[in-house]
């Protein structure tokens, strides 16, 4: 099983793919989101299946993250569509 940092990104106010679960597997992921700005930012964390968009995705988190704040979500089980 892989461990360590599987993906990361610097936010830029757009939807971004951080990690893609390989075909016919599942992943158990821990997610940490840090707002390094001086104002609150809206955060939406999705789990998308192959071919899905944000409109059809499963929303894991949807919130306003305060300036300098961190949110962590652990043991998210994500599997790919086969």
C-alpha atoms as a PDB file:
ATOM      1  CA  UNK A   1       0.000   0.000   0.000  1.00  0.00           C
ATOM      2  CA  UNK A   2       1.292   3.444  -0.900  1.00  0.00           C
ATOM      3  CA  UNK A   3       1.874   5.940   1.850  1.00  0.00           C
ATOM      4  CA  UNK A   4       3.095   9.488   2.123  1.00  0.00           C
ATOM      5  CA  UNK A   5       1.909  12.441   0.086  1.00  0.00           C
ATOM      6  CA  UNK A   6      -0.017  11.163  -2.937  1.00  0.00           C
ATOM      7  CA  UNK A   7      -1.016  14.588  -4.204  1.00  0.00           C
ATOM      8  CA  UNK A   8      -1.035  18.273  -3.366  1.00  0.00           C
ATOM      9  CA  UNK A   9      -1.923  21.550  -4.981  1.00  0.00           C
ATOM     10  CA  UNK A  10      -1.869  25.259  -4.301  1.00  0.00           C
ATOM     11  CA  UNK A  11      -5.389  26.585  -4.619  1.00  0.00           C
ATOM     12  CA  UNK A  12      -6.160  29.226  -7.213  1.00  0.00           C
ATOM     13  CA  UNK A  13      -9.940  29.550  -6.978  1.00  0.00           C
ATOM     14  CA  UNK A  14     -10.603  26.787  -9.489  1.00  0.00           C
ATOM     15  CA  UNK A  15     -11.534  23.119  -9.377  1.00  0.00           C
ATOM     16  CA  UNK A  16      -8.431  20.956  -9.355  1.00  0.00           C
ATOM     17  CA  UNK A  17      -7.740  17.221  -9.326  1.00  0.00           C
ATOM     18  CA  UNK A  18      -5.418  16.388  -6.457  1.00  0.00           C
ATOM     19  CA  UNK A  19      -5.380  12.582  -6.633  1.00  0.00           C
ATOM     20  CA  UNK A  20      -6.848   9.969  -8.960  1.00  0.00           C
ATOM     21  CA  UNK A  21      -7.491   6.481  -7.607  1.00  0.00           C
ATOM     22  CA  UNK A  22      -6.040   3.902 -10.024  1.00  0.00           C
ATOM     23  CA  UNK A  23      -8.490   1.673 -11.909  1.00  0.00           C
ATOM     24  CA  UNK A  24      -9.977  -1.312 -10.051  1.00  0.00           C
ATOM     25  CA  UNK A  25      -8.597  -0.202  -6.684  1.00  0.00           C
ATOM     26  CA  UNK A  26      -9.679   1.819  -3.694  1.00  0.00           C
ATOM     27  CA  UNK A  27      -7.849   4.347  -1.588  1.00  0.00           C
ATOM     28  CA  UNK A  28      -8.107   5.348   2.033  1.00  0.00           C
ATOM     29  CA  UNK A  29      -7.046   8.979   2.168  1.00  0.00           C
ATOM     30  CA  UNK A  30      -6.460  11.627   4.785  1.00  0.00           C
ATOM     31  CA  UNK A  31      -6.999  15.188   3.623  1.00  0.00           C
ATOM     32  CA  UNK A  32      -5.575  18.361   5.159  1.00  0.00           C
ATOM     33  CA  UNK A  33      -6.576  21.744   3.755  1.00  0.00           C
ATOM     34  CA  UNK A  34      -4.763  24.874   4.945  1.00  0.00           C
ATOM     35  CA  UNK A  35      -5.887  28.412   4.185  1.00  0.00           C
ATOM     36  CA  UNK A  36      -2.702  30.486   4.052  1.00  0.00           C
ATOM     37  CA  UNK A  37      -4.480  33.690   3.052  1.00  0.00           C
ATOM     38  CA  UNK A  38      -5.563  36.595   5.271  1.00  0.00           C
ATOM     39  CA  UNK A  39      -9.270  36.098   4.592  1.00  0.00           C
ATOM     40  CA  UNK A  40     -11.754  33.235   4.676  1.00  0.00           C
ATOM     41  CA  UNK A  41     -12.022  30.996   1.592  1.00  0.00           C
ATOM     42  CA  UNK A  42     -14.855  28.730   0.497  1.00  0.00           C
ATOM     43  CA  UNK A  43     -13.744  25.090   0.293  1.00  0.00           C
ATOM     44  CA  UNK A  44     -15.586  22.243  -1.415  1.00  0.00           C
ATOM     45  CA  UNK A  45     -14.013  18.774  -1.353  1.00  0.00           C
ATOM     46  CA  UNK A  46     -15.513  16.248  -3.773  1.00  0.00           C
ATOM     47  CA  UNK A  47     -15.082  12.577  -4.567  1.00  0.00           C
ATOM     48  CA  UNK A  48     -15.721  12.153  -8.281  1.00  0.00           C
ATOM     49  CA  UNK A  49     -16.171   8.973 -10.252  1.00  0.00           C
ATOM     50  CA  UNK A  50     -14.700   8.515 -13.710  1.00  0.00           C
ATOM     51  CA  UNK A  51     -16.462  10.915 -16.054  1.00  0.00           C
ATOM     52  CA  UNK A  52     -18.269  12.732 -13.232  1.00  0.00           C
ATOM     53  CA  UNK A  53     -18.309  16.476 -12.724  1.00  0.00           C
ATOM     54  CA  UNK A  54     -18.723  18.555  -9.585  1.00  0.00           C
ATOM     55  CA  UNK A  55     -22.480  18.628 -10.296  1.00  0.00           C
ATOM     56  CA  UNK A  56     -22.722  14.813  -9.988  1.00  0.00           C
ATOM     57  CA  UNK A  57     -19.976  14.237  -7.406  1.00  0.00           C
ATOM     58  CA  UNK A  58     -20.220  13.199  -3.778  1.00  0.00           C
ATOM     59  CA  UNK A  59     -19.524  16.211  -1.571  1.00  0.00           C
ATOM     60  CA  UNK A  60     -17.257  15.344   1.360  1.00  0.00           C
ATOM     61  CA  UNK A  61     -16.936  18.877   2.722  1.00  0.00           C
ATOM     62  CA  UNK A  62     -18.453  22.282   1.859  1.00  0.00           C
ATOM     63  CA  UNK A  63     -17.484  25.133   4.162  1.00  0.00           C
ATOM     64  CA  UNK A  64     -15.852  28.506   4.641  1.00  0.00           C
ATOM     65  CA  UNK A  65     -12.324  28.049   5.999  1.00  0.00           C
ATOM     66  CA  UNK A  66     -11.101  30.974   8.080  1.00  0.00           C
ATOM     67  CA  UNK A  67      -7.843  32.813   7.451  1.00  0.00           C
ATOM     68  CA  UNK A  68      -4.869  30.788   8.660  1.00  0.00           C
ATOM     69  CA  UNK A  69      -7.087  27.790   9.499  1.00  0.00           C
ATOM     70  CA  UNK A  70      -6.635  24.093   8.799  1.00  0.00           C
ATOM     71  CA  UNK A  71      -9.201  21.336   8.374  1.00  0.00           C
ATOM     72  CA  UNK A  72      -8.356  17.632   8.364  1.00  0.00           C
ATOM     73  CA  UNK A  73     -10.545  14.716   7.311  1.00  0.00           C
ATOM     74  CA  UNK A  74      -9.211  11.241   7.947  1.00  0.00           C
ATOM     75  CA  UNK A  75     -10.026   7.765   6.674  1.00  0.00           C
ATOM     76  CA  UNK A  76     -11.979   8.760   3.575  1.00  0.00           C
ATOM     77  CA  UNK A  77     -12.482   5.575   1.549  1.00  0.00           C
ATOM     78  CA  UNK A  78     -12.609   6.317  -2.183  1.00  0.00           C
ATOM     79  CA  UNK A  79     -12.911   3.719  -4.911  1.00  0.00           C
ATOM     80  CA  UNK A  80     -12.859   4.011  -8.654  1.00  0.00           C
ATOM     81  CA  UNK A  81     -15.684   3.085 -10.987  1.00  0.00           C
ATOM     82  CA  UNK A  82     -14.973  -0.027 -12.989  1.00  0.00           C
END
